[in-house]
Amino acid sequence: MEFQQAINAVEQQVSLRDFLSDKTLVIITHDEDAPKNLPPFGEIKVYTVEAIEKDRKKFAQTLDDNTFYMICDGGYASRDIISNLYDIDRYDIILEKRRLGLLLKIFKHVLAENNVMAETSLDVIFMNSAVMDYILSRHYKISREVLLRIIAANRFRVKYVETNVWQNLKNFVYIGIYELIHSSLPKYLVVGTTGILINEFMLKMLSYRLPLTFADALAIESSITSNFLMNEYWTFNNREVSKGVKGFFRRMGFHNLTSLIGLGINLGIFTALVDTGMEMLAANLIGIAVAFLSRYIMSSRLVWHAPSKASD
């Protein structure tokens, strides 16, 4: 049975190769590497979004009845959508649908992030030259968001390809990792690490001239202030928050408050775990991790809570 399915898959691939042999696929991505598992088009070209925006007239020369376009950010075309490319002449747009509702809620409502990819709920998008000509002639940005608006306007014939459970699971993991990497979390982690170094340095310097308690308090406040400034001008600089003096000091006050709350969370978890018999260093590590995530969520959701600036 499995052997016969393999034979059928090979025959279908050969047939699809013949069907697509005289057609060109233009891949539009944010990096220069072609995605994996590409359908067997006769010719394949890769364009980055940056290169297209630099010379849209040159890119417009690719327009042809036998040229098709695929938006795919570092992913791949699944078997589900490849098997539907026989309909590429009957539809203007063929696309996969994701089921990423939970992931969307996490990034939108918990982390308050402007989720770059998951927001569209689409994976791979194929379109013909008519759709691309429509986008270029109106000077629209080539992006998923633009495609969604075009699809919603019912201007073109669209076919949705439902992905299977395994594909949705892979999408969930892939998009989750992508979103975390492109979110403010890595920057926040760097800032937190820098704050620890500043704390240690200030404590060492101040301890020579001040009582240890006062030196420690000033070192802690120094690291909190430095963390705030780096988060303000680097980690969350894409948030459309108030840039006035009042807004600046309001965020600084909230940041100090969330830092104290994080300290309380750290101490509370550490004490509770030690009381249950957990080893001291392990309990402290867990407390630090939970406190860090808590401070990050409070910073993203409360201190710098505002829509991200739209990227061009």
C-alpha atoms as a PDB file:
ATOM      1  CA  MET A   1       0.000   0.000   0.000  1.00  0.00           C
ATOM      2  CA  GLU A   2       2.764   2.447   0.993  1.00  0.00           C
ATOM      3  CA  PHE A   3       4.784   1.410  -2.072  1.00  0.00           C
ATOM      4  CA  GLN A   4       1.818   2.193  -4.349  1.00  0.00           C
ATOM      5  CA  GLN A   5       1.345   5.570  -2.667  1.00  0.00           C
ATOM      6  CA  ALA A   6       5.010   6.335  -3.289  1.00  0.00           C
ATOM      7  CA  ILE A   7       4.627   5.415  -6.973  1.00  0.00           C
ATOM      8  CA  ASN A   8       1.542   7.627  -7.251  1.00  0.00           C
ATOM      9  CA  ALA A   9       3.405  10.504  -5.641  1.00  0.00           C
ATOM     10  CA  VAL A  10       6.287  10.134  -8.102  1.00  0.00           C
ATOM     11  CA  GLU A  11       3.907   9.967 -11.085  1.00  0.00           C
ATOM     12  CA  GLN A  12       2.096  13.055  -9.835  1.00  0.00           C
ATOM     13  CA  GLN A  13       5.381  14.928  -9.401  1.00  0.00           C
ATOM     14  CA  VAL A  14       6.498  14.016 -12.916  1.00  0.00           C
ATOM     15  CA  SER A  15       3.150  15.101 -14.280  1.00  0.00           C
ATOM     16  CA  LEU A  16       3.346  18.385 -12.381  1.00  0.00           C
ATOM     17  CA  ARG A  17       6.887  18.899 -13.670  1.00  0.00           C
ATOM     18  CA  ASP A  18       5.622  18.575 -17.230  1.00  0.00           C
ATOM     19  CA  PHE A  19       2.759  20.950 -16.446  1.00  0.00           C
ATOM     20  CA  LEU A  20       5.090  23.604 -15.000  1.00  0.00           C
ATOM     21  CA  SER A  21       8.041  23.087 -17.334  1.00  0.00           C
ATOM     22  CA  ASP A  22       7.299  26.170 -19.461  1.00  0.00           C
ATOM     23  CA  LYS A  23       6.482  28.393 -16.494  1.00  0.00           C
ATOM     24  CA  THR A  24       8.735  30.632 -14.376  1.00  0.00           C
ATOM     25  CA  LEU A  25       8.501  31.012 -10.616  1.00  0.00           C
ATOM     26  CA  VAL A  26       9.691  34.246  -9.000  1.00  0.00           C
ATOM     27  CA  ILE A  27      10.271  33.837  -5.260  1.00  0.00           C
ATOM     28  CA  ILE A  28       9.906  36.947  -3.117  1.00  0.00           C
ATOM     29  CA  THR A  29      11.582  36.678   0.267  1.00  0.00           C
ATOM     30  CA  HIS A  30      13.405  38.717   2.900  1.00  0.00           C
ATOM     31  CA  ASP A  31      16.629  36.735   2.531  1.00  0.00           C
ATOM     32  CA  GLU A  32      18.576  35.594  -0.502  1.00  0.00           C
ATOM     33  CA  ASP A  33      18.162  31.871   0.063  1.00  0.00           C
ATOM     34  CA  ALA A  34      15.472  30.008  -1.807  1.00  0.00           C
ATOM     35  CA  PRO A  35      13.002  28.150   0.423  1.00  0.00           C
ATOM     36  CA  LYS A  36      12.961  24.369   0.603  1.00  0.00           C
ATOM     37  CA  ASN A  37      10.698  21.910  -1.187  1.00  0.00           C
ATOM     38  CA  LEU A  38      10.075  24.110  -4.221  1.00  0.00           C
ATOM     39  CA  PRO A  39       7.585  23.048  -6.908  1.00  0.00           C
ATOM     40  CA  PRO A  40       9.178  21.949 -10.209  1.00  0.00           C
ATOM     41  CA  PHE A  41       8.860  25.106 -12.311  1.00  0.00           C
ATOM     42  CA  GLY A  42      10.925  25.306 -15.478  1.00  0.00           C
ATOM     43  CA  GLU A  43      12.831  28.322 -14.159  1.00  0.00           C
ATOM     44  CA  ILE A  44      13.121  29.727 -10.655  1.00  0.00           C
ATOM     45  CA  LYS A  45      14.328  33.214  -9.712  1.00  0.00           C
ATOM     46  CA  VAL A  46      14.773  34.701  -6.254  1.00  0.00           C
ATOM     47  CA  TYR A  47      14.219  38.362  -5.433  1.00  0.00           C
ATOM     48  CA  THR A  48      14.527  39.979  -2.034  1.00  0.00           C
ATOM     49  CA  VAL A  49      11.972  42.573  -0.989  1.00  0.00           C
ATOM     50  CA  GLU A  50      14.812  45.062  -0.556  1.00  0.00           C
ATOM     51  CA  ALA A  51      16.048  44.545  -4.114  1.00  0.00           C
ATOM     52  CA  ILE A  52      12.531  44.942  -5.518  1.00  0.00           C
ATOM     53  CA  GLU A  53      11.934  48.192  -3.667  1.00  0.00           C
ATOM     54  CA  LYS A  54      15.239  49.592  -4.937  1.00  0.00           C
ATOM     55  CA  ASP A  55      14.288  49.063  -8.591  1.00  0.00           C
ATOM     56  CA  ARG A  56      10.596  48.276  -9.088  1.00  0.00           C
ATOM     57  CA  LYS A  57      10.789  49.081 -12.806  1.00  0.00           C
ATOM     58  CA  LYS A  58      13.408  46.388 -13.323  1.00  0.00           C
ATOM     59  CA  PHE A  59      11.326  43.899 -11.344  1.00  0.00           C
ATOM     60  CA  ALA A  60       8.281  44.791 -13.470  1.00  0.00           C
ATOM     61  CA  GLN A  61      10.137  43.329 -16.447  1.00  0.00           C
ATOM     62  CA  THR A  62       9.476  39.879 -14.994  1.00  0.00           C
ATOM     63  CA  LEU A  63       5.741  40.272 -15.720  1.00  0.00           C
ATOM     64  CA  ASP A  64       4.618  37.616 -18.173  1.00  0.00           C
ATOM     65  CA  ASP A  65       1.637  35.318 -18.629  1.00  0.00           C
ATOM     66  CA  ASN A  66       3.839  32.314 -17.847  1.00  0.00           C
ATOM     67  CA  THR A  67       5.454  33.883 -14.782  1.00  0.00           C
ATOM     68  CA  PHE A  68       4.101  33.257 -11.306  1.00  0.00           C
ATOM     69  CA  TYR A  69       5.097  34.717  -7.974  1.00  0.00           C
ATOM     70  CA  MET A  70       5.519  33.161  -4.566  1.00  0.00           C
ATOM     71  CA  ILE A  71       5.819  35.048  -1.276  1.00  0.00           C
ATOM     72  CA  CYS A  72       7.611  32.864   1.220  1.00  0.00           C
ATOM     73  CA  ASP A  73       9.718  34.147   4.125  1.00  0.00           C
ATOM     74  CA  GLY A  74      12.322  31.471   4.721  1.00  0.00           C
ATOM     75  CA  GLY A  75       9.771  28.675   4.765  1.00  0.00           C
ATOM     76  CA  TYR A  76       8.764  26.134   2.181  1.00  0.00           C
ATOM     77  CA  ALA A  77       5.890  25.110  -0.008  1.00  0.00           C
ATOM     78  CA  SER A  78       4.089  22.182   1.563  1.00  0.00           C
ATOM     79  CA  ARG A  79       2.805  19.182  -0.360  1.00  0.00           C
ATOM     80  CA  ASP A  80      -0.711  20.491   0.200  1.00  0.00           C
ATOM     81  CA  ILE A  81      -0.169  23.608  -1.841  1.00  0.00           C
ATOM     82  CA  ILE A  82       2.128  21.990  -4.433  1.00  0.00           C
ATOM     83  CA  SER A  83      -0.533  19.423  -5.272  1.00  0.00           C
ATOM     84  CA  ASN A  84      -2.947  22.287  -5.959  1.00  0.00           C
ATOM     85  CA  LEU A  85      -0.713  24.006  -8.506  1.00  0.00           C
ATOM     86  CA  TYR A  86      -2.579  22.212 -11.288  1.00  0.00           C
ATOM     87  CA  ASP A  87      -5.159  24.958 -10.739  1.00  0.00           C
ATOM     88  CA  ILE A  88      -2.633  27.739 -11.241  1.00  0.00           C
ATOM     89  CA  ASP A  89      -4.246  28.699 -14.563  1.00  0.00           C
ATOM     90  CA  ARG A  90      -7.763  28.721 -13.072  1.00  0.00           C
ATOM     91  CA  TYR A  91      -7.026  30.951 -10.075  1.00  0.00           C
ATOM     92  CA  ASP A  92      -5.158  34.204  -9.664  1.00  0.00           C
ATOM     93  CA  ILE A  93      -4.054  33.471  -6.108  1.00  0.00           C
ATOM     94  CA  ILE A  94      -3.434  30.136  -4.374  1.00  0.00           C
ATOM     95  CA  LEU A  95      -2.524  30.234  -0.712  1.00  0.00           C
ATOM     96  CA  GLU A  96      -2.241  28.159   2.429  1.00  0.00           C
ATOM     97  CA  LYS A  97      -4.186  28.949   5.545  1.00  0.00           C
ATOM     98  CA  ARG A  98      -2.722  28.580   9.009  1.00  0.00           C
ATOM     99  CA  ARG A  99      -4.602  27.790  12.161  1.00  0.00           C
ATOM    100  CA  LEU A 100      -2.569  29.875  14.571  1.00  0.00           C
ATOM    101  CA  GLY A 101      -5.258  31.485  16.701  1.00  0.00           C
ATOM    102  CA  LEU A 102      -3.534  30.713  20.008  1.00  0.00           C
ATOM    103  CA  LEU A 103      -0.185  32.045  18.793  1.00  0.00           C
ATOM    104  CA  LEU A 104      -1.861  35.214  17.545  1.00  0.00           C
ATOM    105  CA  LYS A 105      -3.451  35.789  20.950  1.00  0.00           C
ATOM    106  CA  ILE A 106      -0.125  35.320  22.731  1.00  0.00           C
ATOM    107  CA  PHE A 107       1.714  37.862  20.609  1.00  0.00           C
ATOM    108  CA  LYS A 108      -1.137  40.350  20.378  1.00  0.00           C
ATOM    109  CA  HIS A 109      -2.676  40.262  23.826  1.00  0.00           C
ATOM    110  CA  VAL A 110       0.057  38.931  26.139  1.00  0.00           C
ATOM    111  CA  LEU A 111       3.281  40.338  24.688  1.00  0.00           C
ATOM    112  CA  ALA A 112       1.642  43.257  22.845  1.00  0.00           C
ATOM    113  CA  GLU A 113       3.967  42.609  19.910  1.00  0.00           C
ATOM    114  CA  ASN A 114       3.318  43.561  16.315  1.00  0.00           C
ATOM    115  CA  ASN A 115       3.494  39.985  15.079  1.00  0.00           C
ATOM    116  CA  VAL A 116       5.224  40.212  11.726  1.00  0.00           C
ATOM    117  CA  MET A 117       4.233  36.937  10.062  1.00  0.00           C
ATOM    118  CA  ALA A 118       1.559  35.296  12.155  1.00  0.00           C
ATOM    119  CA  GLU A 119      -0.766  38.281  11.825  1.00  0.00           C
ATOM    120  CA  THR A 120      -1.625  37.339   8.268  1.00  0.00           C
ATOM    121  CA  SER A 121      -2.474  33.698   9.109  1.00  0.00           C
ATOM    122  CA  LEU A 122      -0.993  32.744   5.748  1.00  0.00           C
ATOM    123  CA  ASP A 123       2.074  30.684   4.908  1.00  0.00           C
ATOM    124  CA  VAL A 124       2.914  30.426   1.204  1.00  0.00           C
ATOM    125  CA  ILE A 125       1.155  32.621  -1.357  1.00  0.00           C
ATOM    126  CA  PHE A 126       1.223  31.964  -5.102  1.00  0.00           C
ATOM    127  CA  MET A 127      -0.069  34.590  -7.516  1.00  0.00           C
ATOM    128  CA  ASN A 128      -0.030  35.177 -11.247  1.00  0.00           C
ATOM    129  CA  SER A 129       1.320  38.163 -13.157  1.00  0.00           C
ATOM    130  CA  ALA A 130      -2.092  39.873 -13.214  1.00  0.00           C
ATOM    131  CA  VAL A 131      -2.038  40.213  -9.434  1.00  0.00           C
ATOM    132  CA  MET A 132       1.584  41.371  -9.408  1.00  0.00           C
ATOM    133  CA  ASP A 133       0.874  43.894 -12.163  1.00  0.00           C
ATOM    134  CA  TYR A 134      -2.030  45.214 -10.065  1.00  0.00           C
ATOM    135  CA  ILE A 135       0.296  45.662  -7.051  1.00  0.00           C
ATOM    136  CA  LEU A 136       3.124  47.292  -8.990  1.00  0.00           C
ATOM    137  CA  SER A 137       0.914  49.636 -11.022  1.00  0.00           C
ATOM    138  CA  ARG A 138      -0.570  51.028  -7.814  1.00  0.00           C
ATOM    139  CA  HIS A 139       2.827  51.276  -6.088  1.00  0.00           C
ATOM    140  CA  TYR A 140       1.699  48.973  -3.288  1.00  0.00           C
ATOM    141  CA  LYS A 141       4.211  47.309  -1.030  1.00  0.00           C
ATOM    142  CA  ILE A 142       4.719  43.629  -1.885  1.00  0.00           C
ATOM    143  CA  SER A 143       3.677  41.991   1.363  1.00  0.00           C
ATOM    144  CA  ARG A 144       1.201  39.610   2.948  1.00  0.00           C
ATOM    145  CA  GLU A 145      -0.771  42.512   4.374  1.00  0.00           C
ATOM    146  CA  VAL A 146      -1.320  43.994   0.922  1.00  0.00           C
ATOM    147  CA  LEU A 147      -2.323  40.576  -0.432  1.00  0.00           C
ATOM    148  CA  LEU A 148      -4.853  40.212   2.370  1.00  0.00           C
ATOM    149  CA  ARG A 149      -6.473  43.520   1.469  1.00  0.00           C
ATOM    150  CA  ILE A 150      -6.585  42.561  -2.195  1.00  0.00           C
ATOM    151  CA  ILE A 151      -8.107  39.182  -1.347  1.00  0.00           C
ATOM    152  CA  ALA A 152     -10.680  40.822   0.934  1.00  0.00           C
ATOM    153  CA  ALA A 153     -11.703  43.133  -1.914  1.00  0.00           C
ATOM    154  CA  ASN A 154     -12.626  40.095  -4.081  1.00  0.00           C
ATOM    155  CA  ARG A 155     -10.709  41.473  -7.048  1.00  0.00           C
ATOM    156  CA  PHE A 156      -9.198  38.144  -8.046  1.00  0.00           C
ATOM    157  CA  ARG A 157     -10.014  34.434  -8.091  1.00  0.00           C
ATOM    158  CA  VAL A 158      -8.645  32.912  -4.902  1.00  0.00           C
ATOM    159  CA  LYS A 159      -8.176  29.304  -3.839  1.00  0.00           C
ATOM    160  CA  TYR A 160      -7.476  28.443  -0.212  1.00  0.00           C
ATOM    161  CA  VAL A 161      -5.518  25.290   0.576  1.00  0.00           C
ATOM    162  CA  GLU A 162      -6.243  23.780   3.969  1.00  0.00           C
ATOM    163  CA  THR A 163      -3.115  22.443   5.639  1.00  0.00           C
ATOM    164  CA  ASN A 164      -3.107  19.215   7.629  1.00  0.00           C
ATOM    165  CA  VAL A 165      -2.564  18.889  11.374  1.00  0.00           C
ATOM    166  CA  TRP A 166       1.151  18.125  11.062  1.00  0.00           C
ATOM    167  CA  GLN A 167       1.681  21.100   8.768  1.00  0.00           C
ATOM    168  CA  ASN A 168      -0.142  23.360  11.220  1.00  0.00           C
ATOM    169  CA  LEU A 169       2.023  22.071  14.061  1.00  0.00           C
ATOM    170  CA  LYS A 170       5.191  22.824  12.092  1.00  0.00           C
ATOM    171  CA  ASN A 171       3.797  26.247  11.221  1.00  0.00           C
ATOM    172  CA  PHE A 172       3.081  26.889  14.892  1.00  0.00           C
ATOM    173  CA  VAL A 173       6.645  26.011  15.931  1.00  0.00           C
ATOM    174  CA  TYR A 174       8.263  27.824  13.012  1.00  0.00           C
ATOM    175  CA  ILE A 175       6.240  31.015  13.388  1.00  0.00           C
ATOM    176  CA  GLY A 176       6.612  30.917  17.172  1.00  0.00           C
ATOM    177  CA  ILE A 177      10.410  30.817  16.889  1.00  0.00           C
ATOM    178  CA  TYR A 178      10.386  33.444  14.147  1.00  0.00           C
ATOM    179  CA  GLU A 179       8.205  35.787  16.164  1.00  0.00           C
ATOM    180  CA  LEU A 180      10.291  35.414  19.321  1.00  0.00           C
ATOM    181  CA  ILE A 181      13.508  36.134  17.412  1.00  0.00           C
ATOM    182  CA  HIS A 182      11.984  39.201  15.758  1.00  0.00           C
ATOM    183  CA  SER A 183      10.213  40.402  18.890  1.00  0.00           C
ATOM    184  CA  SER A 184      11.663  42.683  21.536  1.00  0.00           C
ATOM    185  CA  LEU A 185      12.501  39.712  23.817  1.00  0.00           C
ATOM    186  CA  PRO A 186      16.120  39.122  22.628  1.00  0.00           C
ATOM    187  CA  LYS A 187      16.900  42.834  23.015  1.00  0.00           C
ATOM    188  CA  TYR A 188      15.272  42.818  26.440  1.00  0.00           C
ATOM    189  CA  LEU A 189      17.487  39.898  27.428  1.00  0.00           C
ATOM    190  CA  VAL A 190      20.620  41.763  26.294  1.00  0.00           C
ATOM    191  CA  VAL A 191      19.530  44.823  28.247  1.00  0.00           C
ATOM    192  CA  GLY A 192      18.920  42.716  31.355  1.00  0.00           C
ATOM    193  CA  THR A 193      22.373  41.137  31.095  1.00  0.00           C
ATOM    194  CA  THR A 194      23.953  44.567  30.661  1.00  0.00           C
ATOM    195  CA  GLY A 195      22.058  45.767  33.730  1.00  0.00           C
ATOM    196  CA  ILE A 196      23.574  42.975  35.823  1.00  0.00           C
ATOM    197  CA  LEU A 197      27.089  44.005  34.729  1.00  0.00           C
ATOM    198  CA  ILE A 198      26.376  47.657  35.526  1.00  0.00           C
ATOM    199  CA  ASN A 199      24.978  46.657  38.916  1.00  0.00           C
ATOM    200  CA  GLU A 200      28.099  44.672  39.757  1.00  0.00           C
ATOM    201  CA  PHE A 201      30.430  47.442  38.567  1.00  0.00           C
ATOM    202  CA  MET A 202      28.619  50.200  40.490  1.00  0.00           C
ATOM    203  CA  LEU A 203      28.441  48.098  43.649  1.00  0.00           C
ATOM    204  CA  LYS A 204      32.172  47.486  43.487  1.00  0.00           C
ATOM    205  CA  MET A 205      33.005  51.172  42.927  1.00  0.00           C
ATOM    206  CA  LEU A 206      30.567  52.597  45.490  1.00  0.00           C
ATOM    207  CA  SER A 207      31.455  50.090  48.201  1.00  0.00           C
ATOM    208  CA  TYR A 208      34.824  51.822  48.652  1.00  0.00           C
ATOM    209  CA  ARG A 209      33.169  55.093  49.721  1.00  0.00           C
ATOM    210  CA  LEU A 210      29.705  54.233  51.048  1.00  0.00           C
ATOM    211  CA  PRO A 211      28.181  51.783  53.515  1.00  0.00           C
ATOM    212  CA  LEU A 212      27.401  48.523  51.751  1.00  0.00           C
ATOM    213  CA  THR A 213      23.618  48.885  52.069  1.00  0.00           C
ATOM    214  CA  PHE A 214      23.617  52.338  50.443  1.00  0.00           C
ATOM    215  CA  ALA A 215      26.101  51.220  47.821  1.00  0.00           C
ATOM    216  CA  ASP A 216      23.906  48.261  46.917  1.00  0.00           C
ATOM    217  CA  ALA A 217      20.774  50.445  46.751  1.00  0.00           C
ATOM    218  CA  LEU A 218      22.484  52.948  44.418  1.00  0.00           C
ATOM    219  CA  ALA A 219      23.900  50.131  42.281  1.00  0.00           C
ATOM    220  CA  ILE A 220      20.418  48.612  41.912  1.00  0.00           C
ATOM    221  CA  GLU A 221      18.890  51.959  40.941  1.00  0.00           C
ATOM    222  CA  SER A 222      21.749  52.582  38.493  1.00  0.00           C
ATOM    223  CA  SER A 223      21.058  49.284  36.740  1.00  0.00           C
ATOM    224  CA  ILE A 224      17.289  49.951  36.729  1.00  0.00           C
ATOM    225  CA  THR A 225      17.862  53.394  35.178  1.00  0.00           C
ATOM    226  CA  SER A 226      20.303  52.075  32.581  1.00  0.00           C
ATOM    227  CA  ASN A 227      17.870  49.291  31.702  1.00  0.00           C
ATOM    228  CA  PHE A 228      15.097  51.835  31.281  1.00  0.00           C
ATOM    229  CA  LEU A 229      17.161  54.033  28.960  1.00  0.00           C
ATOM    230  CA  MET A 230      18.257  51.099  26.791  1.00  0.00           C
ATOM    231  CA  ASN A 231      14.697  49.765  26.618  1.00  0.00           C
ATOM    232  CA  GLU A 232      13.374  53.238  25.837  1.00  0.00           C
ATOM    233  CA  TYR A 233      15.797  53.974  23.001  1.00  0.00           C
ATOM    234  CA  TRP A 234      16.535  50.478  21.711  1.00  0.00           C
ATOM    235  CA  THR A 235      14.331  47.575  22.819  1.00  0.00           C
ATOM    236  CA  PHE A 236      10.968  49.302  22.405  1.00  0.00           C
ATOM    237  CA  ASN A 237      11.960  52.233  20.199  1.00  0.00           C
ATOM    238  CA  ASN A 238       9.486  51.066  17.532  1.00  0.00           C
ATOM    239  CA  ARG A 239       6.527  51.565  19.874  1.00  0.00           C
ATOM    240  CA  GLU A 240       4.468  54.668  19.142  1.00  0.00           C
ATOM    241  CA  VAL A 241       4.521  55.944  22.724  1.00  0.00           C
ATOM    242  CA  SER A 242       4.405  59.577  23.814  1.00  0.00           C
ATOM    243  CA  LYS A 243       7.792  61.167  23.215  1.00  0.00           C
ATOM    244  CA  GLY A 244       7.201  64.125  25.538  1.00  0.00           C
ATOM    245  CA  VAL A 245       8.870  64.701  28.897  1.00  0.00           C
ATOM    246  CA  LYS A 246       5.713  63.695  30.767  1.00  0.00           C
ATOM    247  CA  GLY A 247       5.464  60.381  28.931  1.00  0.00           C
ATOM    248  CA  PHE A 248       9.181  59.728  29.441  1.00  0.00           C
ATOM    249  CA  PHE A 249       9.046  60.115  33.213  1.00  0.00           C
ATOM    250  CA  ARG A 250       5.752  58.242  33.430  1.00  0.00           C
ATOM    251  CA  ARG A 251       7.378  55.246  31.742  1.00  0.00           C
ATOM    252  CA  MET A 252      10.416  55.598  33.979  1.00  0.00           C
ATOM    253  CA  GLY A 253       8.192  55.468  37.059  1.00  0.00           C
ATOM    254  CA  PHE A 254       6.297  52.433  35.769  1.00  0.00           C
ATOM    255  CA  HIS A 255       9.580  50.757  34.908  1.00  0.00           C
ATOM    256  CA  ASN A 256      10.860  51.215  38.458  1.00  0.00           C
ATOM    257  CA  LEU A 257       7.585  49.818  39.778  1.00  0.00           C
ATOM    258  CA  THR A 258       7.700  46.745  37.529  1.00  0.00           C
ATOM    259  CA  SER A 259      11.331  46.171  38.548  1.00  0.00           C
ATOM    260  CA  LEU A 260      10.293  46.136  42.214  1.00  0.00           C
ATOM    261  CA  ILE A 261       7.422  43.783  41.413  1.00  0.00           C
ATOM    262  CA  GLY A 262       9.853  41.521  39.578  1.00  0.00           C
ATOM    263  CA  LEU A 263      12.127  41.555  42.611  1.00  0.00           C
ATOM    264  CA  GLY A 264       9.190  40.554  44.802  1.00  0.00           C
ATOM    265  CA  ILE A 265       8.291  37.715  42.423  1.00  0.00           C
ATOM    266  CA  ASN A 266      11.897  36.521  42.445  1.00  0.00           C
ATOM    267  CA  LEU A 267      12.126  36.520  46.245  1.00  0.00           C
ATOM    268  CA  GLY A 268       8.685  34.954  46.672  1.00  0.00           C
ATOM    269  CA  ILE A 269       9.383  32.044  44.330  1.00  0.00           C
ATOM    270  CA  PHE A 270      12.867  31.545  45.773  1.00  0.00           C
ATOM    271  CA  THR A 271      11.538  31.402  49.346  1.00  0.00           C
ATOM    272  CA  ALA A 272       8.645  29.100  48.450  1.00  0.00           C
ATOM    273  CA  LEU A 273      10.839  26.626  46.565  1.00  0.00           C
ATOM    274  CA  VAL A 274      13.544  26.566  49.242  1.00  0.00           C
ATOM    275  CA  ASP A 275      10.850  25.872  51.850  1.00  0.00           C
ATOM    276  CA  THR A 276       9.779  22.826  49.845  1.00  0.00           C
ATOM    277  CA  GLY A 277      13.335  21.470  50.024  1.00  0.00           C
ATOM    278  CA  MET A 278      14.648  22.524  46.605  1.00  0.00           C
ATOM    279  CA  GLU A 279      18.356  23.244  46.321  1.00  0.00           C
ATOM    280  CA  MET A 280      19.121  26.948  46.845  1.00  0.00           C
ATOM    281  CA  LEU A 281      20.803  27.736  43.512  1.00  0.00           C
ATOM    282  CA  ALA A 282      18.157  25.874  41.494  1.00  0.00           C
ATOM    283  CA  ALA A 283      15.395  27.734  43.332  1.00  0.00           C
ATOM    284  CA  ASN A 284      17.149  31.042  42.690  1.00  0.00           C
ATOM    285  CA  LEU A 285      17.518  30.259  38.971  1.00  0.00           C
ATOM    286  CA  ILE A 286      13.809  29.475  38.635  1.00  0.00           C
ATOM    287  CA  GLY A 287      12.944  32.650  40.523  1.00  0.00           C
ATOM    288  CA  ILE A 288      15.158  34.740  38.245  1.00  0.00           C
ATOM    289  CA  ALA A 289      13.631  33.179  35.096  1.00  0.00           C
ATOM    290  CA  VAL A 290      10.017  33.723  36.196  1.00  0.00           C
ATOM    291  CA  ALA A 291      10.782  37.258  37.373  1.00  0.00           C
ATOM    292  CA  PHE A 292      12.490  38.057  34.056  1.00  0.00           C
ATOM    293  CA  LEU A 293       9.517  36.887  32.003  1.00  0.00           C
ATOM    294  CA  SER A 294       7.145  38.740  34.317  1.00  0.00           C
ATOM    295  CA  ARG A 295       9.092  41.986  33.943  1.00  0.00           C
ATOM    296  CA  TYR A 296       9.249  41.533  30.178  1.00  0.00           C
ATOM    297  CA  ILE A 297       5.500  41.056  29.893  1.00  0.00           C
ATOM    298  CA  MET A 298       4.840  44.038  32.160  1.00  0.00           C
ATOM    299  CA  SER A 299       7.300  46.174  30.181  1.00  0.00           C
ATOM    300  CA  SER A 300       5.822  45.187  26.830  1.00  0.00           C
ATOM    301  CA  ARG A 301       2.197  45.205  27.950  1.00  0.00           C
ATOM    302  CA  LEU A 302       2.160  48.140  30.397  1.00  0.00           C
ATOM    303  CA  VAL A 303       5.233  50.390  30.335  1.00  0.00           C
ATOM    304  CA  TRP A 304       5.732  50.592  26.557  1.00  0.00           C
ATOM    305  CA  HIS A 305       2.304  49.419  25.495  1.00  0.00           C
ATOM    306  CA  ALA A 306       1.536  51.001  22.123  1.00  0.00           C
ATOM    307  CA  PRO A 307       1.251  49.861  18.481  1.00  0.00           C
ATOM    308  CA  SER A 308       4.545  49.245  16.701  1.00  0.00           C
ATOM    309  CA  LYS A 309       5.425  51.550  13.881  1.00  0.00           C
ATOM    310  CA  ALA A 310       4.532  50.056  10.505  1.00  0.00           C
ATOM    311  CA  SER A 311       7.653  48.924   8.718  1.00  0.00           C
ATOM    312  CA  ASP A 312       8.087  49.818   5.082  1.00  0.00           C
END
